Protein backbone atom coordinates (compact mmCIF):
# COMPACT_ATOMS: atom_id res chain seq x y z
CA MET A 1 0.00 0.00 0.00
CA SER A 2 1.12 3.51 -0.63
CA TYR A 3 -0.21 6.61 1.00
CA GLY A 4 -0.08 9.57 -1.34
CA ARG A 5 -0.81 13.15 -0.51
CA ARG A 6 -4.46 13.68 0.32
CA ALA A 7 -6.50 16.00 -1.81
CA GLY A 8 -7.61 19.26 -0.31
CA LEU A 9 -6.09 21.52 2.32
CA PRO A 10 -3.18 20.34 4.46
CA VAL A 11 -3.88 19.18 7.98
CA VAL A 12 -3.51 22.02 10.47
CA ASP A 13 -1.95 21.16 13.83
CA THR A 14 -3.96 23.20 16.33
CA SER A 15 -1.87 22.17 19.35
CA ARG A 16 0.70 24.87 18.62
CA ALA A 17 -0.71 28.28 17.76
CA LEU A 18 1.58 30.95 16.36
CA GLU A 19 0.80 34.43 17.64
CA LEU A 20 1.52 37.66 15.76
CA ARG A 21 0.83 41.23 16.83
CA LEU A 22 0.53 44.32 14.64
CA SER A 23 0.79 47.45 16.74
CA GLY A 24 0.89 50.69 14.84
CA PRO A 25 1.04 51.35 11.14
CA PRO A 26 2.90 48.48 9.46
CA ALA A 27 6.11 49.29 7.60
CA PRO A 28 6.90 47.29 4.44
CA ASP A 29 9.90 45.71 6.18
CA ASP A 30 7.70 44.57 9.07
CA VAL A 31 5.18 42.93 6.76
CA GLY A 32 7.95 41.23 4.78
CA ARG A 33 9.46 39.87 8.00
CA LEU A 34 6.09 38.54 9.20
CA CYS A 35 5.43 36.95 5.80
CA ALA A 36 8.85 35.25 5.94
CA LEU A 37 8.02 33.97 9.43
CA LEU A 38 4.75 32.49 8.18
CA ASP A 39 6.47 31.00 5.15
CA ALA A 40 9.10 29.27 7.31
CA ALA A 41 6.66 27.84 9.89
CA GLU A 42 4.93 24.50 9.64
CA PRO A 43 1.17 24.71 8.94
CA THR A 44 -0.61 25.66 12.15
CA VAL A 45 -3.19 28.03 13.60
CA VAL A 46 -1.98 31.63 13.49
CA VAL A 47 -3.65 34.27 15.64
CA CYS A 48 -2.86 37.83 14.58
CA GLU A 49 -3.76 40.60 17.03
CA ILE A 50 -4.58 43.73 15.01
CA GLY A 51 -6.09 45.94 17.69
CA GLY A 52 -3.10 48.30 17.50
CA LEU A 53 -3.71 49.32 13.88
CA ALA A 54 -4.96 52.80 14.58
CA PRO A 55 -5.73 54.81 12.60
CA PRO A 56 -6.27 52.17 9.94
CA GLY A 57 -5.35 52.99 6.38
CA LEU A 58 -4.70 51.28 3.09
CA ALA A 59 -1.23 50.22 4.30
CA ALA A 60 -2.95 48.20 7.04
CA VAL A 61 -5.37 46.65 4.54
CA ASP A 62 -2.44 45.75 2.27
CA ALA A 63 -0.55 44.19 5.19
CA LEU A 64 -3.52 42.06 6.25
CA ALA A 65 -4.14 40.90 2.68
CA ARG A 66 -0.47 39.95 2.21
CA LEU A 67 -0.39 38.04 5.50
CA LYS A 68 -3.60 36.18 4.61
CA LEU A 69 -2.26 35.26 1.17
CA VAL A 70 1.05 33.91 2.50
CA ALA A 71 -0.73 32.02 5.30
CA ARG A 72 -3.16 30.45 2.85
CA ARG A 73 -0.40 29.40 0.45
CA ARG A 74 1.54 27.80 3.33
CA GLY A 75 -1.51 26.01 4.80
CA HIS A 76 -1.95 28.08 7.95
CA ASP A 77 -5.32 28.83 9.52
CA LEU A 78 -4.92 32.61 10.01
CA ARG A 79 -7.33 34.40 12.32
CA PHE A 80 -7.38 38.14 12.93
CA GLU A 81 -8.51 39.42 16.33
CA GLY A 82 -9.19 42.83 17.83
CA ALA A 83 -10.13 44.91 14.79
CA GLY A 84 -11.76 48.22 15.60
CA PRO A 85 -14.86 49.58 13.87
CA GLU A 86 -12.80 51.86 11.58
CA LEU A 87 -10.75 48.95 10.24
CA ARG A 88 -13.85 46.83 9.78
CA ALA A 89 -15.50 49.64 7.80
CA LEU A 90 -12.40 50.07 5.64
CA LEU A 91 -12.29 46.34 4.89
CA LEU A 92 -15.96 46.43 3.90
CA LEU A 93 -15.30 49.44 1.67
CA THR A 94 -12.39 47.71 -0.11
CA GLY A 95 -14.31 44.43 -0.48
CA LEU A 96 -11.80 42.47 1.64
CA ALA A 97 -13.99 41.81 4.69
CA GLY A 98 -15.08 38.43 3.29
CA PRO A 99 -11.72 37.18 1.95
CA LEU A 100 -9.94 38.14 5.17
CA GLY A 101 -12.47 36.28 7.31
CA ASP A 102 -14.12 37.53 10.45
CA VAL A 103 -11.90 40.46 11.38
């Protein structure tokens, strides 16, 4: 018998959650570093605290979208927590509230 790779998404190990925190407006270097961290980690649950993104702007939306894309490609289950009403409104306005999950 041989066991090939299963179809569908990779199995996510929820016993080890990776925690990220974005506090303040994200700089491009910060986002690149966080994306590299996600890319290097084994697939797991990732909790990203975004309560410190005030005032939210398009740089914050770009950072969240890039993190979500890298996490999805690597097989992580990325969850954003702590978004304020301004960031939620901006995500709705840009059409990214759905793709980024419950922010």
